[in-house]
Protein backbone atom coordinates (compact mmCIF):
# COMPACT_ATOMS: atom_id res chain seq x y z
CA UNK A 1 0.00 0.00 0.00
CA UNK A 2 3.06 2.25 0.05
CA UNK A 3 2.65 2.49 -3.72
CA UNK A 4 -0.64 4.37 -3.21
CA UNK A 5 1.16 7.13 -1.31
CA UNK A 6 3.89 7.33 -3.92
CA UNK A 7 1.34 7.58 -6.73
CA UNK A 8 -0.58 10.26 -4.82
CA UNK A 9 2.56 12.39 -4.39
CA UNK A 10 3.58 11.80 -8.02
CA UNK A 11 0.18 12.94 -9.27
CA UNK A 12 0.33 16.00 -7.00
CA UNK A 13 3.73 16.88 -8.47
CA UNK A 14 2.37 16.42 -12.02
CA UNK A 15 -0.48 18.82 -11.26
CA UNK A 16 1.96 21.37 -9.85
CA UNK A 17 4.12 21.04 -12.97
CA UNK A 18 1.02 21.84 -15.04
CA UNK A 19 0.69 25.14 -13.16
CA UNK A 20 -1.64 24.45 -10.23
CA UNK A 21 -0.84 25.96 -6.86
CA UNK A 22 0.24 23.52 -4.13
CA UNK A 23 -3.01 23.52 -2.17
CA UNK A 24 -5.14 23.19 -5.28
CA UNK A 25 -2.95 20.32 -6.53
CA UNK A 26 -3.25 18.48 -3.19
CA UNK A 27 -7.02 19.00 -3.09
CA UNK A 28 -7.35 17.78 -6.69
CA UNK A 29 -5.03 14.78 -6.37
CA UNK A 30 -6.80 13.32 -3.32
CA UNK A 31 -10.28 12.92 -4.84
CA UNK A 32 -8.82 11.90 -8.22
CA UNK A 33 -6.75 9.08 -6.71
CA UNK A 34 -9.44 8.12 -4.12
CA UNK A 35 -11.24 5.56 -6.28
CA UNK A 36 -8.10 3.65 -7.41
CA UNK A 37 -6.78 3.61 -3.83
CA UNK A 38 -10.07 2.31 -2.44
CA UNK A 39 -10.35 -0.29 -5.21
CA UNK A 40 -6.83 -1.57 -4.56
CA UNK A 41 -7.43 -1.74 -0.82
CA UNK A 42 -10.87 -3.32 -1.24
CA UNK A 43 -9.51 -6.05 -3.51
CA UNK A 44 -6.71 -6.83 -1.06
CA UNK A 45 -9.10 -6.88 1.93
CA UNK A 46 -11.60 -9.16 0.21
CA UNK A 47 -8.82 -11.47 -0.93
CA UNK A 48 -7.44 -11.76 2.60
CA UNK A 49 -10.73 -11.86 4.50
CA UNK A 50 -10.59 -15.60 5.15
CA UNK A 51 -6.93 -15.49 6.18
CA UNK A 52 -6.12 -12.67 8.55
CA UNK A 53 -8.05 -9.89 10.22
CA UNK A 54 -4.85 -8.21 11.44
CA UNK A 55 -3.65 -7.73 7.88
CA UNK A 56 -7.01 -6.24 6.93
CA UNK A 57 -6.74 -3.77 9.82
CA UNK A 58 -3.28 -2.81 8.65
CA UNK A 59 -4.48 -2.26 5.09
CA UNK A 60 -7.36 -0.09 6.25
CA UNK A 61 -5.03 1.93 8.47
CA UNK A 62 -2.50 2.41 5.67
CA UNK A 63 -5.29 3.55 3.35
CA UNK A 64 -6.41 6.20 5.82
CA UNK A 65 -2.81 7.31 6.28
CA UNK A 66 -2.40 7.54 2.51
CA UNK A 67 -5.49 9.67 2.04
CA UNK A 68 -5.10 11.95 5.06
CA UNK A 69 -1.54 12.03 6.42
CA UNK A 70 0.41 11.99 3.13
CA UNK A 71 -1.15 15.21 1.73
CA UNK A 72 -0.71 16.96 5.09
CA UNK A 73 2.95 15.93 5.38
CA UNK A 74 3.53 16.91 1.74
CA UNK A 75 2.18 20.39 2.46
CA UNK A 76 4.29 20.73 5.62
CA UNK A 77 7.50 19.67 3.87
CA UNK A 78 6.78 22.03 0.98
CA UNK A 79 6.32 24.93 3.43
CA UNK A 80 9.52 23.93 5.21
CA UNK A 81 11.37 23.78 1.90
CA UNK A 82 10.18 27.28 1.00
CA UNK A 83 11.34 28.57 4.35
CA UNK A 84 14.89 27.24 3.94
CA UNK A 85 15.26 27.84 0.21
CA UNK A 86 16.92 31.08 -0.81
CA UNK A 87 14.90 31.60 -3.92
CA UNK A 88 11.22 32.15 -3.28
CA UNK A 89 9.85 30.58 -6.43
CA UNK A 90 7.04 28.07 -6.67
CA UNK A 91 7.41 25.04 -8.92
CA UNK A 92 3.95 25.73 -10.29
CA UNK A 93 4.73 29.30 -11.35
CA UNK A 94 6.96 29.24 -14.45
CA UNK A 95 8.64 32.47 -15.44
CA UNK A 96 9.26 33.60 -18.99
CA UNK A 97 12.79 34.69 -19.84
CA UNK A 98 13.19 37.42 -22.43
CA UNK A 99 15.51 36.56 -25.27
CA UNK A 100 18.73 38.55 -25.30
CA UNK A 101 19.53 40.77 -28.28
CA UNK A 102 23.23 39.97 -27.88
CA UNK A 103 24.86 36.77 -29.03
CA UNK A 104 26.31 34.33 -26.52
CA UNK A 105 29.72 35.49 -25.36
CA UNK A 106 29.57 38.93 -26.96
CA UNK A 107 30.47 42.05 -25.05
CA UNK A 108 27.80 44.60 -24.13
CA UNK A 109 27.40 47.08 -26.96
CA UNK A 110 28.67 44.64 -29.64
CA UNK A 111 26.25 43.32 -32.26
CA UNK A 112 26.54 40.02 -34.13
């Protein structure tokens, strides 16, 4: 069930790369990945029902941790990263760089 958390974080990062703000990406990724996470957990629980109730409890607990704790910890680490990073840019906010009129390696005032 660790894979569910990894996929949730990966999808959140994909949304941020597309330009969504962090909070919006986290709030979009959770509901989007909810159904696949619940289906995976449900299939595992039903498959193990005759064998072990302790394993089922662990799967249910890990599912709740994936859906609740992982997004919260992601947000906290992102805030912490912004606090310690020198540059105050957000991964979701790309900046356009204006093309230089000078050629590479030319002195100021020289034209190609």
